[in-house]
Protein backbone atom coordinates (compact mmCIF):
# COMPACT_ATOMS: atom_id res chain seq x y z
CA LEU A 1 0.00 0.00 0.00
CA VAL A 2 1.52 3.31 -1.10
CA CYS A 3 0.04 6.65 -0.14
CA ARG A 4 1.74 9.98 -0.77
CA GLY A 5 1.42 12.39 2.16
CA CYS A 6 -1.70 10.74 3.70
CA THR A 7 -2.90 8.90 6.83
CA ILE A 8 -4.76 5.56 6.82
CA SER A 9 -6.62 4.24 9.92
CA THR A 10 -8.09 0.77 10.50
CA GLU A 11 -10.34 -0.20 13.45
CA VAL A 12 -10.54 -3.92 14.57
CA ASN A 13 -12.79 -5.53 17.30
CA HIS A 14 -11.01 -8.21 19.35
CA ASN A 15 -12.55 -9.43 22.61
CA ASP A 16 -14.46 -6.21 22.83
CA ILE A 17 -11.19 -4.34 22.77
CA ASN A 18 -10.80 -1.74 20.11
CA PHE A 19 -7.45 -1.62 18.40
CA LEU A 20 -6.76 1.39 16.25
CA PHE A 21 -3.93 1.10 13.79
CA TYR A 22 -2.40 4.16 12.18
CA ILE A 23 -0.29 3.72 9.11
CA PHE A 24 1.76 6.67 8.00
CA VAL A 25 3.29 6.46 4.57
CA LEU A 26 5.41 9.40 3.46
CA ASN A 27 6.60 8.90 -0.07
CA GLN A 28 7.55 12.41 -1.11
CA THR A 29 10.13 12.57 -3.89
CA ALA A 30 11.75 15.45 -5.72
CA ASN A 31 10.18 16.63 -9.00
CA ARG A 32 11.08 14.42 -11.93
CA PRO A 33 14.01 15.77 -13.92
CA LYS A 34 13.21 16.89 -17.44
CA ALA A 35 15.07 15.80 -20.53
CA GLU A 36 16.53 18.43 -22.84
CA LEU A 37 16.71 17.87 -26.61
CA ARG A 38 19.12 19.76 -28.86
CA ALA A 39 19.73 19.58 -32.61
CA ASP A 40 22.92 20.70 -34.34
CA ASP A 41 20.70 21.92 -37.19
CA ILE A 42 16.97 21.88 -37.87
CA ASP A 43 17.42 21.38 -41.61
CA ILE A 44 18.54 18.05 -43.07
CA PRO A 45 20.64 18.70 -46.18
CA VAL A 46 19.80 16.77 -49.31
CA GLY A 47 21.14 13.24 -48.78
CA GLY A 48 22.39 14.07 -45.27
CA SER A 49 21.36 13.95 -41.63
CA VAL A 50 21.38 16.00 -38.43
CA THR A 51 22.51 15.12 -34.90
CA LEU A 52 20.11 15.04 -31.96
CA THR A 53 21.43 15.10 -28.39
CA CYS A 54 19.35 14.27 -25.31
CA SER A 55 20.51 15.11 -21.79
CA VAL A 56 19.14 15.18 -18.25
CA ASN A 57 19.55 18.16 -15.96
CA PRO A 58 20.91 17.95 -13.32
CA SER A 59 23.43 15.64 -14.90
CA SER A 60 24.00 12.20 -13.38
CA SER A 61 25.12 8.78 -14.62
CA GLY A 62 23.23 5.74 -15.79
CA TRP A 63 20.77 7.35 -18.19
CA LYS A 64 19.74 5.86 -21.49
CA TYR A 65 17.58 7.80 -23.88
CA PHE A 66 14.29 6.97 -25.55
CA TRP A 67 13.55 8.73 -28.82
CA TYR A 68 10.16 9.59 -30.28
CA ARG A 69 9.08 10.90 -33.65
CA GLY A 70 5.60 12.29 -34.26
CA GLU A 71 3.78 12.19 -30.93
CA LYS A 72 5.47 11.70 -27.58
CA THR A 73 2.76 9.16 -26.71
CA SER A 74 3.81 6.99 -29.65
CA GLU A 75 6.05 3.96 -29.31
CA PRO A 76 9.71 4.91 -28.90
CA LEU A 77 12.15 4.34 -31.69
CA THR A 78 13.47 1.21 -29.97
CA SER A 79 16.23 0.80 -32.48
CA GLN A 80 17.49 4.22 -31.42
CA LEU A 81 17.79 3.55 -27.66
CA SER A 82 21.19 4.98 -26.82
CA ALA A 83 23.37 6.56 -24.21
CA GLY A 84 24.53 9.34 -26.54
CA PRO A 85 23.58 11.44 -29.56
CA ILE A 86 21.82 9.98 -32.60
CA ARG A 87 21.69 11.00 -36.24
CA VAL A 88 18.37 11.23 -38.11
CA SER A 89 17.67 11.65 -41.81
CA GLU A 90 13.87 11.92 -41.70
CA GLU A 91 11.92 15.12 -41.16
CA GLY A 92 9.37 15.39 -38.37
CA VAL A 93 8.74 16.37 -34.75
CA TYR A 94 11.19 14.72 -32.32
CA TRP A 95 11.08 14.24 -28.53
CA CYS A 96 13.20 12.35 -26.05
CA ARG A 97 13.26 11.29 -22.41
CA GLY A 98 15.74 9.54 -20.18
CA GLY A 99 15.33 6.29 -18.29
CA ARG A 100 17.40 4.23 -15.86
CA GLY A 101 17.08 1.47 -13.29
CA GLU A 102 14.89 -1.66 -13.13
CA PRO A 103 12.02 -1.10 -13.28
CA VAL A 104 12.80 1.88 -15.50
CA TYR A 105 12.45 5.31 -13.94
CA TYR A 106 11.63 7.89 -16.64
CA THR A 107 12.32 11.63 -16.77
CA GLU A 108 9.78 14.10 -18.06
CA TYR A 109 9.59 14.38 -21.85
CA SER A 110 11.76 17.02 -23.48
CA ASP A 111 10.32 19.91 -25.42
CA SER A 112 9.84 19.05 -29.08
CA VAL A 113 12.22 19.94 -31.90
CA THR A 114 10.94 20.11 -35.47
CA ILE A 115 13.37 18.85 -38.10
CA TYR A 116 12.93 19.82 -41.74
CA LYS A 117 14.24 17.97 -44.77
CA ASN A 118 15.81 20.10 -47.45
CA VAL A 119 14.38 19.89 -50.94
CA PRO A 120 16.36 20.57 -54.12
CA ASN A 121 14.41 23.76 -54.85
CA LYS A 122 16.75 26.75 -54.92
CA ALA A 123 16.02 29.97 -53.01
CA VAL A 124 17.32 33.21 -54.54
CA VAL A 125 17.16 36.78 -53.17
CA THR A 126 16.23 39.32 -55.86
CA LEU A 127 15.96 43.12 -55.76
CA GLN A 128 13.24 45.26 -57.31
CA PRO A 129 13.86 47.59 -58.99
CA ASN A 130 16.95 45.80 -60.27
CA TRP A 131 19.24 48.83 -60.24
CA SER A 132 23.00 48.65 -60.00
CA GLU A 133 23.03 51.53 -57.48
CA ILE A 134 20.53 52.11 -54.66
CA TYR A 135 20.44 55.61 -53.20
CA ARG A 136 19.25 56.90 -49.85
CA GLY A 137 15.53 57.73 -49.84
CA GLU A 138 14.49 55.31 -52.60
CA THR A 139 11.91 52.51 -52.17
CA ILE A 140 13.00 48.93 -52.83
CA THR A 141 11.59 45.41 -52.50
CA LEU A 142 13.59 42.29 -51.62
CA ARG A 143 12.05 39.02 -52.81
CA CYS A 144 12.73 35.41 -51.92
CA GLU A 145 12.27 33.52 -55.19
CA ILE A 146 12.04 29.71 -55.11
CA LYS A 147 12.51 27.70 -58.26
CA ASP A 148 9.36 25.71 -59.09
CA GLY A 149 7.65 27.19 -56.05
CA GLY A 150 5.01 29.84 -55.42
CA ASP A 151 4.38 32.07 -52.46
CA THR A 152 1.15 30.23 -51.55
CA GLU A 153 2.75 26.86 -50.75
CA TRP A 154 5.83 28.18 -48.97
CA GLU A 155 6.65 29.98 -45.77
CA TYR A 156 9.77 32.15 -45.72
CA GLU A 157 12.60 32.96 -43.37
CA TRP A 158 15.12 35.80 -43.71
CA ARG A 159 18.51 36.52 -42.19
CA THR A 160 20.43 39.76 -42.56
CA THR A 161 23.46 41.55 -41.15
CA SER A 162 21.67 44.92 -41.47
CA SER A 163 19.47 46.66 -38.91
CA GLU A 164 16.39 45.61 -40.87
CA LYS A 165 14.22 42.75 -39.59
CA PRO A 166 12.31 41.30 -42.56
CA SER A 167 9.00 39.57 -41.92
CA ASN A 168 8.54 35.92 -42.90
CA GLN A 169 6.93 36.81 -46.20
CA HIS A 170 7.73 36.21 -49.85
CA GLU A 171 8.78 39.83 -50.28
CA HIS A 172 9.91 42.64 -48.04
CA SER A 173 9.57 46.31 -49.01
CA ILE A 174 11.62 49.14 -47.55
CA ARG A 175 10.47 52.72 -48.01
CA SER A 176 13.09 55.46 -47.91
CA VAL A 177 16.15 53.23 -47.55
CA SER A 178 19.13 54.47 -45.57
CA ALA A 179 22.68 53.32 -44.91
CA SER A 180 21.44 51.23 -41.96
CA HIS A 181 19.67 48.94 -44.45
CA SER A 182 22.97 48.05 -46.10
CA GLY A 183 24.09 44.48 -45.43
CA VAL A 184 23.87 40.85 -46.52
CA TYR A 185 20.45 39.25 -46.96
CA ARG A 186 19.67 35.51 -47.23
CA CYS A 187 16.40 33.62 -47.34
CA LYS A 188 14.95 30.12 -47.40
CA GLY A 189 11.53 28.59 -47.92
CA ARG A 190 9.60 25.92 -46.03
CA LYS A 191 6.66 24.03 -47.47
CA LYS A 192 3.53 24.61 -45.44
CA SER A 193 2.18 21.09 -46.01
CA GLU A 194 5.42 19.23 -45.28
CA LYS A 195 8.36 19.33 -42.90
CA SER A 196 10.72 20.27 -45.71
CA SER A 197 12.69 23.37 -46.64
CA THR A 198 15.15 24.74 -49.17
CA ASP A 199 18.78 25.47 -48.41
CA TRP A 200 19.66 29.04 -47.51
CA SER A 201 20.05 31.20 -50.59
CA ASP A 202 23.40 32.59 -51.63
CA PRO A 203 24.13 35.88 -49.83
CA PHE A 204 22.77 39.02 -51.49
CA LYS A 205 24.65 42.21 -50.66
CA LEU A 206 22.66 45.44 -50.53
CA THR A 207 24.58 48.72 -50.48
CA VAL A 208 22.75 52.02 -49.98
CA SER A 209 24.73 55.09 -51.04
CA ASP A 210 24.25 58.82 -50.85
CA LYS A 211 23.18 60.34 -54.14
CA PRO A 212 26.08 61.72 -56.19
CA GLN A 213 26.68 65.38 -55.44
CA SER A 214 26.70 68.05 -58.12
CA VAL A 215 29.32 70.77 -57.72
CA LEU A 216 28.88 74.18 -59.37
CA THR A 217 31.64 76.70 -60.00
CA VAL A 218 31.19 80.18 -61.48
CA SER A 219 33.71 82.35 -63.29
CA PRO A 220 34.09 85.16 -62.64
CA SER A 221 32.27 85.55 -59.34
CA TRP A 222 32.61 89.36 -59.53
CA LEU A 223 31.91 91.10 -62.81
CA SER A 224 30.95 94.40 -64.33
CA ALA A 225 27.34 94.98 -65.25
CA GLY A 226 26.51 93.51 -68.67
CA ALA A 227 29.39 91.04 -68.69
CA SER A 228 29.02 87.27 -69.13
CA VAL A 229 29.55 84.55 -66.55
CA THR A 230 30.38 80.87 -67.15
CA LEU A 231 28.81 78.14 -65.02
CA ASN A 232 30.54 74.74 -64.74
CA CYS A 233 28.82 71.68 -63.25
CA SER A 234 30.53 68.42 -62.29
CA VAL A 235 29.44 65.26 -60.50
CA LYS A 236 31.68 64.36 -57.61
CA ASP A 237 33.43 60.95 -57.82
CA GLN A 238 31.44 59.87 -60.88
CA SER A 239 32.18 59.07 -64.52
CA ALA A 240 30.97 60.79 -67.68
CA GLY A 241 27.61 60.42 -69.44
CA TRP A 242 25.55 63.02 -67.58
CA ARG A 243 23.04 65.62 -68.71
CA PHE A 244 23.10 68.89 -66.83
CA TYR A 245 20.30 71.20 -65.71
CA TRP A 246 20.90 74.84 -64.88
CA TYR A 247 18.88 77.00 -62.51
CA LYS A 248 18.69 80.54 -61.26
CA THR A 249 17.83 81.15 -57.61
CA VAL A 250 14.67 83.15 -56.94
CA PRO A 251 14.68 84.75 -53.47
CA ASP A 252 11.58 84.37 -51.32
CA GLN A 253 11.54 87.32 -48.95
CA SER A 254 8.79 85.78 -46.81
CA ASP A 255 11.09 83.13 -45.31
CA ASN A 256 14.55 84.25 -46.45
CA SER A 257 14.95 81.21 -48.68
CA TYR A 258 15.01 80.78 -52.43
CA SER A 259 13.49 78.52 -55.07
CA TYR A 260 14.97 77.42 -58.41
CA GLU A 261 14.00 78.51 -61.91
CA LEU A 262 15.35 76.72 -65.01
CA LEU A 263 17.56 78.87 -67.20
CA PRO A 264 16.64 79.24 -70.90
CA GLY A 265 17.46 76.16 -73.01
CA SER A 266 17.89 73.96 -69.96
CA SER A 267 14.47 72.30 -69.71
CA SER A 268 15.77 69.08 -71.35
CA GLY A 269 19.26 69.35 -69.93
CA THR A 270 22.52 69.89 -71.80
CA GLU A 271 25.25 67.45 -72.71
CA GLN A 272 27.82 70.18 -72.07
CA ASP A 273 28.93 70.60 -68.47
CA SER A 274 29.13 74.39 -68.89
CA TYR A 275 26.58 77.14 -69.45
CA ILE A 276 27.17 80.81 -70.27
CA VAL A 277 24.93 83.55 -68.91
CA HIS A 278 25.23 86.57 -71.21
CA GLY A 279 24.78 90.19 -70.20
CA GLN A 280 24.29 89.77 -66.49
CA THR A 281 23.28 93.09 -64.98
CA HIS A 282 22.32 92.14 -61.41
CA THR A 283 23.68 90.00 -58.64
CA ALA A 284 22.27 86.47 -59.02
CA GLY A 285 22.62 82.98 -57.61
CA TYR A 286 22.83 79.73 -59.60
CA VAL A 287 22.60 75.99 -58.94
CA CYS A 288 22.87 72.88 -61.10
CA ARG A 289 22.11 69.18 -60.97
CA ALA A 290 22.80 66.24 -63.27
CA GLU A 291 20.80 63.37 -64.73
CA GLY A 292 22.31 59.97 -65.46
CA GLY A 293 22.20 56.24 -64.92
CA ASP A 294 19.93 53.47 -66.17
CA PRO A 295 17.22 53.82 -65.06
CA VAL A 296 17.55 57.58 -64.93
CA TYR A 297 18.05 59.34 -61.60
CA TYR A 298 19.00 62.87 -60.57
CA THR A 299 21.82 64.02 -58.36
CA GLU A 300 21.18 66.35 -55.47
CA PHE A 301 21.14 70.06 -56.30
CA SER A 302 24.51 71.72 -56.01
CA ARG A 303 25.12 74.39 -53.41
CA ALA A 304 24.15 77.82 -54.67
CA GLN A 305 26.92 79.98 -56.09
CA PHE A 306 26.41 83.72 -56.36
CA VAL A 307 27.77 86.07 -59.00
CA TRP A 308 28.10 89.63 -57.80
CA SER A 309 27.48 92.31 -60.38
CA ALA A 310 27.74 96.07 -60.18
CA ASP A 311 24.48 97.65 -61.37
CA PHE A 312 24.53 100.18 -64.24
CA HIS A 313 23.01 102.82 -62.05
CA SER A 314 23.25 101.59 -58.50
CA SER A 315 20.84 103.36 -56.15
CA ALA A 316 22.55 102.00 -53.04
CA SER A 317 26.00 101.71 -51.54
CA LEU A 318 27.37 99.82 -48.55
CA THR A 319 30.17 101.12 -46.36
CA VAL A 320 32.07 99.19 -43.71
CA SER A 321 33.44 100.60 -40.47
CA PRO A 322 36.32 100.16 -39.83
CA ASP A 323 37.03 100.34 -43.55
CA ARG A 324 39.11 97.24 -44.22
CA ALA A 325 38.54 93.79 -45.77
CA GLN A 326 39.76 91.70 -42.82
CA HIS A 327 38.27 91.86 -39.34
CA PHE A 328 38.74 90.02 -36.06
CA THR A 329 36.19 88.63 -33.63
CA SER A 330 37.25 91.30 -31.14
CA ASP A 331 36.36 94.09 -33.62
CA SER A 332 33.24 96.20 -33.49
CA VAL A 333 32.02 96.16 -37.11
CA SER A 334 29.20 98.24 -38.60
CA LEU A 335 27.68 98.13 -42.08
CA SER A 336 25.85 101.23 -43.34
CA CYS A 337 23.56 101.59 -46.34
CA GLU A 338 23.32 104.84 -48.31
CA GLY A 339 20.97 105.78 -51.12
CA ASN A 340 17.48 106.96 -52.00
CA SER A 341 15.56 104.96 -49.42
CA THR A 342 14.51 105.24 -45.81
CA GLU A 343 13.99 101.49 -45.25
CA TRP A 344 17.20 99.53 -45.68
CA ARG A 345 17.96 95.87 -45.00
CA VAL A 346 21.48 94.44 -44.79
CA LYS A 347 21.64 90.90 -46.23
CA ARG A 348 24.30 88.22 -45.96
CA LEU A 349 25.28 84.99 -47.69
CA SER A 350 28.17 82.93 -46.31
CA PRO A 351 29.54 79.52 -47.38
CA GLU A 352 27.97 78.02 -44.25
CA ASP A 353 24.51 79.51 -44.88
CA ARG A 354 21.82 77.48 -46.58
CA TYR A 355 19.48 80.47 -46.55
CA LEU A 356 19.72 84.15 -47.17
CA SER A 357 19.70 86.02 -43.89
CA ASP A 358 19.48 89.62 -42.77
CA CYS A 359 20.96 91.75 -40.00
CA THR A 360 18.31 90.86 -37.42
CA THR A 361 19.69 87.29 -37.39
CA TRP A 362 23.34 88.05 -36.69
CA GLY A 363 23.39 91.71 -35.66
CA THR A 364 21.37 94.76 -34.63
CA MET A 365 19.74 97.04 -37.22
CA ASN A 366 19.45 100.71 -36.26
CA GLY A 367 18.09 102.85 -39.06
CA SER A 368 20.31 102.22 -42.07
CA THR A 369 23.21 100.78 -40.05
CA CYS A 370 23.76 97.18 -38.99
CA LYS A 371 26.07 96.50 -36.07
CA LEU A 372 27.43 92.95 -36.23
CA ASN A 373 27.52 90.78 -33.13
CA THR A 374 31.19 89.97 -32.60
CA ASN A 375 30.42 86.32 -31.81
CA ARG A 376 28.48 85.97 -35.06
CA LEU A 377 31.12 87.33 -37.44
CA SER A 378 31.45 85.21 -40.56
CA ALA A 379 33.39 85.33 -43.80
CA ALA A 380 30.55 86.30 -46.12
CA VAL A 381 29.22 88.64 -48.77
CA TYR A 382 27.03 91.50 -47.48
CA TRP A 383 24.77 93.87 -49.42
CA CYS A 384 21.96 96.40 -49.01
CA GLU A 385 18.35 96.00 -50.07
CA SER A 386 15.40 98.34 -49.78
C-alpha cells in the first residue's frame, strides 16, 4: 500500500477491545528531472542527416535515452535507444526522455524539436527595382524567389546583417532606404504542407549610397554689369555620361529662402557641363544638378553659387566701419547703407549659410546701419536692399 502524504486508519474488534492502527506512509520525492533535446541543425541537407542530443539536468550517470518521432505518446524508436547522440535523416517532430534502473524510472519528456528535410528547390534573393546603385531615400523590394515554387505553398525565413528585420513573407519592401539597411540578406523557404525546406540562398549584398553630389563653380564671381559669366557643373566621384540642368535662384523674402528657376534652353538638360549667362546686370545665384544612370536618376542640387554684379546705375551703396577687408572677432564692425531709401535691409550669404539672412539674425539694425555681433562674425558677402 503506497500513499503519498496521507494517513490511513483501520479499526478492529477483538474481545471487545478496540485496536486502532495508524499507518503513516510518506513517499515524497523530488520533482522528476526533465530531458533536454538539442539539434545541431533543424534542416537536413539533401542526402544528409542531423545530430540530436538528449541530456538530463541535473546531470548524473546511468541514463539511457528513448527517442520519439511524431507524438510523444507513440512507441519509442526502440532501435534508437542509446546513451549518446543519434543521427536522423527523416523530417518530423522529435522528442526524447531519459530512463534508468529496473524497473525503469523515466524523466519528463523534453520539449519538441521540429526537423525539416531540405528539398532541391533553390532559393534566390532578388531586388526590385533591379538597379546597380541604390540611393538613400528610394523605395525597394527584396524578394525570396524559389525555383518551381510559389508564395502560396511556402513559408519564408530571412537573415540579414543589417538593422532591418524582414518579416517571414515572400517579399519585403523598404520605403526610404538608408545606410542602416545596407548588409547581406539571405532567405529560405519551407513548405507549409510538409516538414521540408530549401537550403539558404546565396548571400545578397545590398549597399545604400548617398546620391552623387553636383558641384557648381562660377567664373568670374565678380563682374561688371553687362558682362558674361560661365557656369561649370561636375558630378563628384562619378564618370561621364551626364546631362546637366541649370537653374537661377529666386529669393523668397517671406522666409529668407530661395526657389529654383530653369535657365533658358535647360528644360531638357545639356550634354555640355558648362553654361554661359550673357549680359548679367544684377547679382544672381545659380545651382545645377545632373541626370544619369539606367534607369535615370538625378543628383542632389549643387550648393548655390552667387555672381556679384555692379548695377549700371546703382541706387545703393554699402560702407564698412572700420574700412578694411579683414576683421577680427574682437572688432566692433558696422555696415551702413546709403541711397534713396529710408527702409534699408542688410543681407548676408556665407559659405555656411543654406538660406539668405538679414541683419536681425546676426546683428542689430538701427536705421540704415547694422552692427554685427562679434560672436556671429562670418566670412561672407554682405549687401543692401530696400
